[in-house]
């Protein structure tokens, strides 16, 4: 996902005081290349594995949020010899209930989990036509609507999203990630035939996916710990200190 400044944390060093932190842009996002294809999560997880190998990291913990969490799951499933632990944050996994939230039902709407945009993004050509030139309006709405703390979607963060998505291929690549969701679902069902044998930390915001993160991971891994924050969908920006307070002990356990 694009890198940008977030709201100030009480612990300015965050994870970097004790850990090497690699924050890549997934293919098609941020300043990464925008190829014609390969936007399924298994292929994108292979991108990350190759990057980590190139950087000289033979083993590591992977953390992802939203689509990054889906990619992180595939990375853990496909590259077991290198991934020591998984942090799965605020994501619905294709093939394991994600699709249920695209349905227009009273329960989804009243619970704030009607994901109307997925069907819209799947329609060819129309989203490109309507979004192009209105990237700022869409991004601002999506970032603020899904948060309990909308003020954490700062102006500079929104500017960075707009910059990246306004570049040639930006919207096309974003839509391609969503349009690969049915492929992702089959990849996830295949991967789930072998349960993960690494520790998994499942993080959620109580105003969005919440404990569903842990519920999903318990279908896919043997050793799962869950935590739910008073937050919406974008945990790392809404409650960065609280996330660090949970994440640091989990990482420390990997080093003992």
Protein backbone atom coordinates (compact mmCIF):
# COMPACT_ATOMS: atom_id res chain seq x y z
CA UNK A 1 0.00 0.00 0.00
CA UNK A 2 1.21 3.57 -0.48
CA UNK A 3 3.53 4.90 2.20
CA UNK A 4 2.68 8.22 3.81
CA UNK A 5 2.90 10.17 7.05
CA UNK A 6 0.40 9.17 9.70
CA UNK A 7 -0.86 10.83 12.84
CA UNK A 8 1.85 11.26 15.45
CA UNK A 9 2.41 8.30 17.75
CA UNK A 10 3.47 8.63 21.36
CA UNK A 11 6.25 6.18 20.47
CA UNK A 12 7.85 7.83 17.47
CA UNK A 13 10.23 4.92 16.87
CA UNK A 14 7.40 2.40 16.77
CA UNK A 15 8.74 -0.97 15.68
CA UNK A 16 11.98 0.28 14.19
CA UNK A 17 13.81 0.60 17.52
CA UNK A 18 13.90 -3.20 17.79
CA UNK A 19 13.06 -4.52 14.34
CA UNK A 20 13.91 -4.08 10.70
CA UNK A 21 10.67 -2.99 9.03
CA UNK A 22 10.14 -3.44 5.28
CA UNK A 23 7.04 -1.68 3.91
CA UNK A 24 6.69 -2.43 0.19
CA UNK A 25 4.11 -1.13 -2.24
CA UNK A 26 2.20 -4.07 -3.73
CA UNK A 27 2.34 -4.34 -7.49
CA UNK A 28 0.22 -1.66 -9.10
CA UNK A 29 0.04 0.43 -5.91
CA UNK A 30 2.10 3.33 -4.66
CA UNK A 31 5.21 3.73 -6.80
CA UNK A 32 5.42 0.07 -7.83
CA UNK A 33 5.21 -0.98 -11.45
CA UNK A 34 1.77 -1.40 -13.03
CA UNK A 35 2.00 -4.52 -15.21
CA UNK A 36 -0.78 -5.86 -17.38
CA UNK A 37 -1.56 -8.77 -15.06
CA UNK A 38 -0.57 -10.75 -12.02
CA UNK A 39 -2.87 -8.99 -9.55
CA UNK A 40 -4.04 -12.16 -7.80
CA UNK A 41 -2.85 -12.44 -4.23
CA UNK A 42 -0.69 -15.53 -4.76
CA UNK A 43 1.33 -13.77 -7.45
CA UNK A 44 1.63 -10.64 -5.34
CA UNK A 45 2.80 -12.73 -2.39
CA UNK A 46 5.53 -14.16 -4.61
CA UNK A 47 6.58 -10.57 -5.38
CA UNK A 48 7.09 -9.95 -1.67
CA UNK A 49 8.97 -13.22 -1.17
CA UNK A 50 11.35 -12.29 -4.01
CA UNK A 51 11.83 -8.81 -2.56
CA UNK A 52 12.68 -10.17 0.88
CA UNK A 53 15.13 -12.64 -0.63
CA UNK A 54 16.75 -9.85 -2.62
CA UNK A 55 17.09 -7.80 0.56
CA UNK A 56 18.75 -10.75 2.28
CA UNK A 57 15.99 -11.68 4.75
CA UNK A 58 15.78 -15.47 5.00
CA UNK A 59 13.04 -15.46 7.64
CA UNK A 60 10.58 -12.85 8.82
CA UNK A 61 7.17 -12.12 10.31
CA UNK A 62 4.67 -10.76 7.81
CA UNK A 63 1.93 -8.27 8.70
CA UNK A 64 -0.80 -7.13 6.34
CA UNK A 65 -3.92 -5.03 6.61
CA UNK A 66 -6.94 -5.25 4.28
CA UNK A 67 -5.77 -6.59 0.89
CA UNK A 68 -2.28 -6.63 2.32
CA UNK A 69 -3.51 -9.20 4.85
CA UNK A 70 -4.85 -11.43 2.08
CA UNK A 71 -1.45 -11.21 0.37
CA UNK A 72 0.23 -11.88 3.72
CA UNK A 73 -1.81 -15.06 4.20
CA UNK A 74 -0.78 -16.31 0.77
CA UNK A 75 2.84 -15.42 1.55
CA UNK A 76 2.69 -17.49 4.73
CA UNK A 77 0.99 -20.38 2.93
CA UNK A 78 3.26 -20.42 -0.12
CA UNK A 79 6.60 -19.62 1.54
CA UNK A 80 6.44 -21.53 4.80
CA UNK A 81 10.20 -21.92 5.09
CA UNK A 82 10.63 -18.16 5.32
CA UNK A 83 7.60 -16.83 7.21
CA UNK A 84 7.88 -17.27 10.99
CA UNK A 85 4.57 -15.68 11.98
CA UNK A 86 1.59 -13.88 10.47
CA UNK A 87 -0.26 -10.76 11.60
CA UNK A 88 -3.62 -10.62 9.81
CA UNK A 89 -5.34 -7.26 10.29
CA UNK A 90 -8.80 -6.05 9.26
CA UNK A 91 -9.48 -8.17 6.20
CA UNK A 92 -12.17 -10.44 4.89
CA UNK A 93 -10.60 -13.37 3.08
CA UNK A 94 -11.97 -14.26 -0.37
CA UNK A 95 -13.37 -17.78 -0.26
CA UNK A 96 -14.06 -17.58 3.47
CA UNK A 97 -16.98 -15.19 3.86
CA UNK A 98 -15.85 -12.10 1.98
CA UNK A 99 -18.43 -12.65 -0.73
CA UNK A 100 -21.27 -12.79 1.79
CA UNK A 101 -20.81 -9.09 2.54
CA UNK A 102 -21.39 -8.02 -1.07
CA UNK A 103 -25.07 -8.98 -0.77
CA UNK A 104 -27.66 -6.26 -0.19
CA UNK A 105 -29.25 -7.48 3.04
CA UNK A 106 -30.64 -5.73 6.10
CA UNK A 107 -27.99 -7.36 8.27
CA UNK A 108 -25.11 -6.15 6.09
CA UNK A 109 -26.47 -2.63 5.76
CA UNK A 110 -27.44 -2.18 9.40
CA UNK A 111 -24.13 -3.63 10.57
CA UNK A 112 -22.07 -1.40 8.31
CA UNK A 113 -20.67 -4.35 6.36
CA UNK A 114 -22.40 -3.98 3.00
CA UNK A 115 -19.41 -3.85 0.64
CA UNK A 116 -21.24 -2.16 -2.24
CA UNK A 117 -18.07 -1.18 -4.07
CA UNK A 118 -16.98 -4.72 -4.90
CA UNK A 119 -19.74 -5.28 -7.42
CA UNK A 120 -19.16 -1.81 -8.84
CA UNK A 121 -15.43 -2.46 -9.29
CA UNK A 122 -16.10 -5.76 -11.05
CA UNK A 123 -18.06 -4.07 -13.85
CA UNK A 124 -15.67 -3.48 -16.78
CA UNK A 125 -14.99 0.05 -18.02
CA UNK A 126 -17.69 1.87 -16.01
CA UNK A 127 -15.63 2.34 -12.81
CA UNK A 128 -12.68 3.67 -14.81
CA UNK A 129 -14.98 6.14 -16.53
CA UNK A 130 -16.58 7.40 -13.32
CA UNK A 131 -13.53 7.41 -11.02
CA UNK A 132 -10.97 9.03 -13.34
CA UNK A 133 -10.82 12.71 -12.48
CA UNK A 134 -12.62 12.08 -9.18
CA UNK A 135 -9.92 10.09 -7.39
CA UNK A 136 -9.79 12.55 -4.50
CA UNK A 137 -13.53 12.39 -3.87
CA UNK A 138 -13.62 8.58 -3.84
CA UNK A 139 -10.47 8.15 -1.76
CA UNK A 140 -11.51 10.74 0.80
CA UNK A 141 -14.92 9.14 1.19
CA UNK A 142 -13.58 5.59 1.50
CA UNK A 143 -10.82 6.48 3.97
CA UNK A 144 -13.04 8.50 6.26
CA UNK A 145 -16.21 6.39 6.03
CA UNK A 146 -14.52 3.19 7.21
CA UNK A 147 -12.81 4.73 10.25
CA UNK A 148 -14.00 5.40 13.77
CA UNK A 149 -11.48 8.26 13.82
CA UNK A 150 -11.90 9.95 10.42
CA UNK A 151 -9.55 12.77 11.38
CA UNK A 152 -6.67 10.27 11.15
CA UNK A 153 -7.10 10.33 7.37
CA UNK A 154 -4.86 13.37 7.18
CA UNK A 155 -4.57 15.74 4.24
CA UNK A 156 -1.05 14.60 3.38
CA UNK A 157 -2.09 10.95 3.44
CA UNK A 158 -5.00 11.65 1.10
CA UNK A 159 -2.69 13.67 -1.17
CA UNK A 160 -0.34 10.68 -1.40
CA UNK A 161 -3.16 8.30 -2.28
CA UNK A 162 -4.41 10.71 -4.93
CA UNK A 163 -0.91 11.12 -6.36
CA UNK A 164 -0.44 7.38 -6.72
CA UNK A 165 -3.86 6.53 -8.08
CA UNK A 166 -3.81 9.44 -10.52
CA UNK A 167 -0.66 8.19 -12.25
CA UNK A 168 -1.06 6.20 -15.49
CA UNK A 169 -2.40 2.76 -14.65
CA UNK A 170 -3.21 3.66 -11.06
CA UNK A 171 -6.96 3.13 -11.16
CA UNK A 172 -6.62 0.21 -13.58
CA UNK A 173 -4.28 -1.59 -11.18
CA UNK A 174 -6.48 -0.92 -8.16
CA UNK A 175 -9.52 -2.31 -9.96
CA UNK A 176 -7.50 -5.31 -11.21
CA UNK A 177 -6.81 -6.31 -7.61
CA UNK A 178 -10.52 -6.39 -6.85
CA UNK A 179 -11.33 -8.12 -10.13
CA UNK A 180 -8.98 -10.96 -9.20
CA UNK A 181 -11.07 -11.74 -6.11
CA UNK A 182 -12.67 -14.90 -7.52
CA UNK A 183 -9.22 -16.22 -8.40
CA UNK A 184 -8.05 -15.27 -4.91
CA UNK A 185 -10.94 -17.23 -3.40
CA UNK A 186 -9.90 -20.41 -5.18
CA UNK A 187 -6.25 -19.86 -4.24
CA UNK A 188 -7.23 -19.42 -0.60
CA UNK A 189 -9.38 -22.55 -0.59
CA UNK A 190 -6.49 -24.51 -2.05
CA UNK A 191 -4.03 -23.09 0.49
CA UNK A 192 -6.41 -23.83 3.38
CA UNK A 193 -6.12 -27.56 2.73
CA UNK A 194 -2.92 -27.32 4.79
CA UNK A 195 -3.37 -25.48 8.08
CA UNK A 196 -0.73 -22.91 8.92
CA UNK A 197 1.61 -24.16 11.64
CA UNK A 198 3.00 -20.74 12.56
CA UNK A 199 1.69 -18.31 15.20
CA UNK A 200 -1.00 -15.98 13.88
CA UNK A 201 -2.13 -12.70 15.43
CA UNK A 202 -5.55 -11.59 14.14
CA UNK A 203 -6.34 -7.90 14.67
CA UNK A 204 -9.67 -6.14 14.15
CA UNK A 205 -11.48 -2.88 14.71
CA UNK A 206 -14.73 -3.16 16.65
CA UNK A 207 -16.51 -0.79 14.25
CA UNK A 208 -15.66 -2.84 11.18
CA UNK A 209 -14.44 -6.45 10.76
CA UNK A 210 -13.70 -6.93 14.45
CA UNK A 211 -13.55 -10.48 15.78
CA UNK A 212 -14.28 -11.91 12.32
CA UNK A 213 -10.53 -11.65 11.70
CA UNK A 214 -9.84 -14.20 14.41
CA UNK A 215 -12.78 -16.39 13.34
CA UNK A 216 -11.38 -16.63 9.81
CA UNK A 217 -7.85 -17.36 10.92
CA UNK A 218 -9.00 -20.19 13.16
CA UNK A 219 -10.16 -21.95 9.99
CA UNK A 220 -6.69 -21.61 8.51
CA UNK A 221 -4.15 -21.92 11.34
CA UNK A 222 -3.59 -23.94 14.53
CA UNK A 223 -2.14 -21.19 16.75
CA UNK A 224 -4.27 -18.03 16.62
CA UNK A 225 -4.48 -15.10 19.01
CA UNK A 226 -7.04 -12.35 18.46
CA UNK A 227 -7.34 -8.76 19.57
CA UNK A 228 -10.03 -6.17 18.81
CA UNK A 229 -9.37 -2.43 19.09
CA UNK A 230 -11.77 0.47 19.56
CA UNK A 231 -11.35 1.53 15.95
CA UNK A 232 -12.58 1.18 12.40
CA UNK A 233 -10.88 -0.37 9.40
CA UNK A 234 -7.45 1.32 9.27
CA UNK A 235 -5.84 0.23 12.52
CA UNK A 236 -2.26 1.29 11.88
CA UNK A 237 -3.35 4.88 11.29
CA UNK A 238 -6.29 5.11 13.68
CA UNK A 239 -4.69 3.56 16.76
CA UNK A 240 -0.96 3.16 16.01
CA UNK A 241 0.19 3.09 19.64
CA UNK A 242 -2.40 0.50 20.63
CA UNK A 243 -1.41 -1.67 17.67
CA UNK A 244 2.27 -1.39 18.63
CA UNK A 245 1.44 -2.33 22.23
CA UNK A 246 -0.08 -5.61 21.01
CA UNK A 247 2.34 -6.26 18.17
CA UNK A 248 5.62 -5.77 20.03
CA UNK A 249 5.07 -8.57 22.58
CA UNK A 250 3.95 -10.88 19.77
CA UNK A 251 7.15 -10.15 17.88
CA UNK A 252 9.23 -10.50 21.04
CA UNK A 253 7.94 -14.03 21.51
CA UNK A 254 9.46 -14.92 18.13
CA UNK A 255 12.89 -13.81 19.37
CA UNK A 256 12.94 -15.73 22.66
